[in-house]
Amino acid sequence: MENANRFRAKLDSGQIPLGCGVTFSDPTVTELLSQTLDFAFIDMEHNGHTLETVQAHIMATKGTDAAALVRVAWNDAVLIKPVLDIGADGVVVPLVRSVEDVQLAVSACLYPPEGERGFGPRRPIRYGRIGDAEYCRRANREIICIVQIEHIDAVNVIDEIVRVPGLAAIMIGVNDLAGSMGHMGNPQHPEVQSAVETVVTTAHQAGVYPGIGLADDPEALMEWTEKGIQWVLMGVDWAHLARAIDTSAARLRGHAGQR
């Protein structure tokens, strides 16, 4: 959980942590990214990751300052519990729509009496080298619980959502949010942008850190940081690879064509 604390410390100090979505199964991608970025966003919602591949990615952050944040497939304690037990610094819960949804997500991350997380860690207690009671206290204090605001229902109750005890941060999913507002494929629609700005402002007022995930477009991401976004998911691994190879190939082919 040391990297979870580093992630929080960066936010508290006004830094803007940067991360990248991890979709490939090979943990070397996380090892590579963690040398530069502040968190690895290991995505189980839209990719074929298993608990085994997720554990390998989490282990790849060891020895770096990068927090391992795992987006689970759904808001279900059965899915959240093993991800924390294999050592994730935090979880990202998709598509919450109500205060009750957020309360369930937070409860799944916390041991009793604050929550309902069942006890069974292995890596986080360093294979028995950390006492159970000490670990439970630290986990309840340090594990990062994040929910995704990506439906208009959540926007409509955002003032209550951000005040749920134990919620550390929110992540805005602009594409799905746009879809829920009747603007699928058009997250730049003024109504969507207005909703996002409302979420950001409300989160700030409650002391909850708003983040956003967008394509690897630094200009667009910089605009959002100017609007109050405090942590940024800057695209996914395959997009960075595709852009780099396409750019290099086009440059070399253009040079060859000029000869």
Protein backbone atom coordinates (compact mmCIF):
# COMPACT_ATOMS: atom_id res chain seq x y z
CA MET A 1 0.00 0.00 0.00
CA GLU A 2 3.04 2.26 -0.04
CA ASN A 3 2.24 3.26 -3.62
CA ALA A 4 -1.34 4.03 -2.64
CA ASN A 5 0.03 6.48 -0.10
CA ARG A 6 2.33 7.99 -2.71
CA PHE A 7 -0.63 8.46 -5.04
CA ARG A 8 -2.61 10.22 -2.31
CA ALA A 9 0.39 12.35 -1.35
CA LYS A 10 0.79 13.57 -4.92
CA LEU A 11 -2.87 14.54 -5.04
CA ASP A 12 -2.66 16.26 -1.66
CA SER A 13 0.35 18.28 -2.76
CA GLY A 14 -1.34 19.50 -5.93
CA GLN A 15 0.49 17.27 -8.38
CA ILE A 16 -1.52 15.75 -11.23
CA PRO A 17 -0.83 12.00 -11.31
CA LEU A 18 -0.67 10.52 -14.80
CA GLY A 19 -1.50 6.95 -15.74
CA CYS A 20 -2.14 4.68 -18.68
CA GLY A 21 -4.68 1.95 -19.29
CA VAL A 22 -3.22 -1.56 -19.27
CA THR A 23 -4.91 -4.00 -21.63
CA PHE A 24 -2.11 -6.35 -22.70
CA SER A 25 -1.65 -9.48 -20.59
CA ASP A 26 2.16 -9.29 -20.53
CA PRO A 27 3.24 -7.53 -17.28
CA THR A 28 6.29 -6.04 -18.96
CA VAL A 29 4.01 -3.30 -20.30
CA THR A 30 3.22 -2.24 -16.72
CA GLU A 31 6.88 -2.51 -15.76
CA LEU A 32 7.72 -0.20 -18.66
CA LEU A 33 4.98 2.33 -17.96
CA SER A 34 5.63 2.42 -14.22
CA GLN A 35 9.10 3.86 -14.80
CA THR A 36 7.47 7.09 -16.03
CA LEU A 37 3.88 7.26 -14.83
CA ASP A 38 2.20 7.63 -11.44
CA PHE A 39 -0.31 4.81 -11.76
CA ALA A 40 -1.14 1.77 -13.86
CA PHE A 41 -4.82 1.47 -14.72
CA ILE A 42 -5.30 -2.29 -15.04
CA ASP A 43 -8.59 -2.78 -16.83
CA MET A 44 -10.74 -5.85 -16.13
CA GLU A 45 -13.95 -4.25 -17.42
CA HIS A 46 -13.22 -4.12 -21.14
CA ASN A 47 -10.36 -6.61 -21.45
CA GLY A 48 -9.63 -10.28 -20.94
CA HIS A 49 -7.54 -9.95 -17.78
CA THR A 50 -7.75 -12.77 -15.27
CA LEU A 51 -6.80 -12.53 -11.61
CA GLU A 52 -3.50 -14.17 -12.53
CA THR A 53 -2.64 -11.55 -15.15
CA VAL A 54 -3.79 -8.75 -12.87
CA GLN A 55 -1.57 -10.04 -10.07
CA ALA A 56 1.40 -10.08 -12.45
CA HIS A 57 0.71 -6.47 -13.44
CA ILE A 58 0.45 -5.43 -9.79
CA MET A 59 3.76 -7.14 -9.05
CA ALA A 60 5.32 -5.26 -11.98
CA THR A 61 4.76 -1.97 -10.13
CA LYS A 62 6.88 -3.13 -7.19
CA GLY A 63 10.00 -1.04 -6.81
CA THR A 64 8.39 1.96 -8.52
CA ASP A 65 6.20 4.82 -7.31
CA ALA A 66 3.29 3.81 -9.55
CA ALA A 67 0.05 2.82 -7.85
CA ALA A 68 -1.75 -0.25 -9.19
CA LEU A 69 -5.38 0.74 -9.75
CA VAL A 70 -7.63 -2.05 -11.00
CA ARG A 71 -10.92 -1.36 -12.73
CA VAL A 72 -13.19 -4.27 -11.90
CA ALA A 73 -15.89 -5.47 -14.26
CA TRP A 74 -18.83 -4.48 -12.06
CA ASN A 75 -19.85 -3.16 -8.67
CA ASP A 76 -19.75 -6.49 -6.89
CA ALA A 77 -17.97 -7.35 -3.64
CA VAL A 78 -17.22 -10.80 -5.06
CA LEU A 79 -15.17 -9.16 -7.83
CA ILE A 80 -13.56 -6.48 -5.66
CA LYS A 81 -12.38 -8.71 -2.81
CA PRO A 82 -9.85 -10.90 -4.69
CA VAL A 83 -8.39 -7.88 -6.50
CA LEU A 84 -7.57 -6.29 -3.15
CA ASP A 85 -6.36 -9.59 -1.75
CA ILE A 86 -3.71 -9.88 -4.49
CA GLY A 87 -2.38 -6.43 -3.68
CA ALA A 88 -4.11 -3.72 -5.69
CA ASP A 89 -3.55 -0.24 -4.28
CA GLY A 90 -7.08 0.67 -5.24
CA VAL A 91 -10.12 -0.29 -7.27
CA VAL A 92 -12.14 1.61 -9.82
CA VAL A 93 -15.82 0.67 -9.88
CA PRO A 94 -17.65 1.39 -13.13
CA LEU A 95 -21.08 2.83 -13.84
CA VAL A 96 -22.38 3.77 -10.42
CA ARG A 97 -25.77 5.43 -10.67
CA SER A 98 -26.82 6.14 -7.09
CA VAL A 99 -25.58 6.89 -3.60
CA GLU A 100 -26.40 3.30 -2.67
CA ASP A 101 -24.14 2.03 -5.47
CA VAL A 102 -21.24 4.07 -4.10
CA GLN A 103 -21.88 2.91 -0.55
CA LEU A 104 -21.73 -0.71 -1.76
CA ALA A 105 -18.42 -0.08 -3.55
CA VAL A 106 -16.83 1.55 -0.53
CA SER A 107 -18.13 -1.16 1.80
CA ALA A 108 -16.54 -3.84 -0.38
CA CYS A 109 -13.15 -2.15 0.09
CA LEU A 110 -13.27 -1.86 3.88
CA TYR A 111 -13.03 -4.40 6.68
CA PRO A 112 -15.68 -4.42 9.44
CA PRO A 113 -16.99 -2.46 11.17
CA GLU A 114 -16.64 0.17 8.42
CA GLY A 115 -17.38 -2.26 5.60
CA GLU A 116 -17.94 -5.86 4.58
CA ARG A 117 -14.62 -6.95 3.06
CA GLY A 118 -13.80 -10.54 3.98
CA PHE A 119 -10.32 -11.32 5.29
CA GLY A 120 -7.92 -13.32 3.15
CA PRO A 121 -4.94 -11.29 1.87
CA ARG A 122 -1.67 -12.94 0.92
CA ARG A 123 0.68 -10.57 -0.87
CA PRO A 124 -0.52 -7.46 1.04
CA ILE A 125 0.48 -8.99 4.39
CA ARG A 126 3.85 -9.99 2.91
CA TYR A 127 3.01 -13.65 3.35
CA GLY A 128 2.36 -13.38 7.05
CA ARG A 129 5.09 -10.88 7.89
CA ILE A 130 2.55 -8.14 8.66
CA GLY A 131 0.10 -8.72 11.49
CA ASP A 132 -3.53 -9.22 10.54
CA ALA A 133 -4.89 -6.46 12.78
CA GLU A 134 -2.25 -3.99 11.63
CA TYR A 135 -3.00 -4.76 7.99
CA CYS A 136 -6.76 -4.30 8.46
CA ARG A 137 -6.24 -0.91 10.07
CA ARG A 138 -3.90 0.23 7.33
CA ALA A 139 -6.07 -1.14 4.53
CA ASN A 140 -9.14 0.70 5.78
CA ARG A 141 -7.12 3.90 5.89
CA GLU A 142 -5.06 3.55 2.71
CA ILE A 143 -6.90 1.51 0.04
CA ILE A 144 -8.09 3.85 -2.72
CA CYS A 145 -11.76 3.47 -3.62
CA ILE A 146 -12.72 5.20 -6.87
CA VAL A 147 -16.07 5.17 -8.66
CA GLN A 148 -16.79 6.10 -12.25
CA ILE A 149 -19.30 8.82 -12.96
CA GLU A 150 -20.50 7.86 -16.41
CA HIS A 151 -24.28 8.07 -16.26
CA ILE A 152 -26.57 11.05 -15.98
CA ASP A 153 -28.28 9.40 -12.99
CA ALA A 154 -25.02 9.74 -11.06
CA VAL A 155 -24.58 13.34 -12.15
CA ASN A 156 -28.05 14.13 -10.83
CA VAL A 157 -27.05 13.02 -7.31
CA ILE A 158 -23.36 13.91 -7.46
CA ASP A 159 -23.60 16.21 -4.45
CA GLU A 160 -24.58 13.19 -2.33
CA ILE A 161 -22.21 10.72 -4.00
CA VAL A 162 -19.07 12.72 -3.26
CA ARG A 163 -19.97 12.85 0.42
CA VAL A 164 -20.03 9.09 0.93
CA PRO A 165 -17.43 8.36 3.65
CA GLY A 166 -14.46 6.38 2.39
CA LEU A 167 -14.69 7.52 -1.22
CA ALA A 168 -11.27 8.80 -2.28
CA ALA A 169 -11.78 9.89 -5.86
CA ILE A 170 -14.07 9.79 -8.84
CA MET A 171 -13.33 9.15 -12.49
CA ILE A 172 -15.45 10.70 -15.20
CA GLY A 173 -16.27 8.49 -18.19
CA VAL A 174 -17.29 11.02 -20.81
CA ASN A 175 -18.20 8.58 -23.57
CA ASP A 176 -20.71 6.55 -21.59
CA LEU A 177 -21.96 9.70 -19.90
CA ALA A 178 -22.65 11.17 -23.33
CA GLY A 179 -24.51 8.02 -24.30
CA SER A 180 -26.72 8.18 -21.21
CA MET A 181 -27.61 11.75 -22.16
CA GLY A 182 -28.61 10.87 -25.73
CA HIS A 183 -25.33 12.03 -27.30
CA MET A 184 -23.48 8.75 -27.90
CA GLY A 185 -20.22 9.35 -29.73
CA ASN A 186 -20.33 13.08 -29.04
CA PRO A 187 -18.76 13.77 -25.63
CA GLN A 188 -18.02 17.33 -26.78
CA HIS A 189 -21.72 18.16 -26.80
CA PRO A 190 -22.32 21.26 -24.65
CA GLU A 191 -24.76 19.41 -22.38
CA VAL A 192 -22.17 16.71 -21.67
CA GLN A 193 -19.42 19.24 -21.06
CA SER A 194 -21.67 21.13 -18.67
CA ALA A 195 -22.43 17.93 -16.75
CA VAL A 196 -18.73 17.16 -16.44
CA GLU A 197 -17.97 20.63 -15.15
CA THR A 198 -20.72 20.22 -12.54
CA VAL A 199 -19.19 16.95 -11.38
CA VAL A 200 -15.70 18.45 -11.13
CA THR A 201 -16.85 21.46 -9.15
CA THR A 202 -18.93 19.38 -6.76
CA ALA A 203 -16.11 16.91 -6.16
CA HIS A 204 -13.73 19.74 -5.30
CA GLN A 205 -16.17 21.14 -2.80
CA ALA A 206 -16.33 17.76 -1.03
CA GLY A 207 -12.58 17.13 -1.04
CA VAL A 208 -12.88 14.20 -3.45
CA TYR A 209 -10.35 14.10 -6.30
CA PRO A 210 -11.87 14.19 -9.80
CA GLY A 211 -10.08 12.34 -12.57
CA ILE A 212 -10.80 11.71 -16.22
CA GLY A 213 -9.87 9.17 -18.86
CA LEU A 214 -9.44 10.28 -22.46
CA ALA A 215 -7.49 9.31 -25.53
CA ASP A 216 -3.78 10.07 -25.62
CA ASP A 217 -4.32 13.71 -26.59
CA PRO A 218 -2.16 15.95 -24.39
CA GLU A 219 -3.87 19.14 -25.59
CA ALA A 220 -7.34 17.91 -24.59
CA LEU A 221 -6.04 16.59 -21.30
CA MET A 222 -4.33 19.86 -20.47
CA GLU A 223 -7.61 21.67 -21.07
CA TRP A 224 -9.30 19.44 -18.51
CA THR A 225 -6.60 19.99 -15.91
CA GLU A 226 -7.23 23.72 -16.32
CA LYS A 227 -10.90 23.00 -15.54
CA GLY A 228 -10.01 21.28 -12.27
CA ILE A 229 -9.29 17.64 -13.17
CA GLN A 230 -6.70 16.39 -10.65
CA TRP A 231 -5.59 13.05 -12.07
CA VAL A 232 -5.49 11.84 -15.65
CA LEU A 233 -5.74 8.52 -17.45
CA MET A 234 -3.91 9.34 -20.67
CA GLY A 235 -5.11 6.69 -23.07
CA VAL A 236 -4.30 2.98 -23.19
CA ASP A 237 -1.24 0.92 -23.97
CA TRP A 238 -2.29 -0.21 -27.46
CA ALA A 239 -3.13 3.35 -28.54
CA HIS A 240 0.30 4.65 -27.56
CA LEU A 241 1.94 1.75 -29.38
CA ALA A 242 -0.17 2.26 -32.51
CA ARG A 243 0.48 5.99 -32.60
CA ALA A 244 4.23 5.56 -32.11
CA ILE A 245 4.59 2.92 -34.82
CA ASP A 246 2.33 4.75 -37.27
CA THR A 247 4.21 8.02 -36.77
CA SER A 248 7.63 6.41 -37.18
CA ALA A 249 6.60 4.36 -40.21
CA ALA A 250 5.02 7.34 -41.95
CA ARG A 251 8.11 9.44 -41.34
CA LEU A 252 10.48 6.81 -42.67
CA ARG A 253 8.31 6.02 -45.69
CA GLY A 254 8.05 9.73 -46.46
CA HIS A 255 11.81 10.05 -46.28
CA ALA A 256 12.30 7.03 -48.55
CA GLY A 257 9.84 8.49 -51.06
CA GLN A 258 11.84 11.69 -51.27
CA ARG A 259 15.03 9.91 -52.26
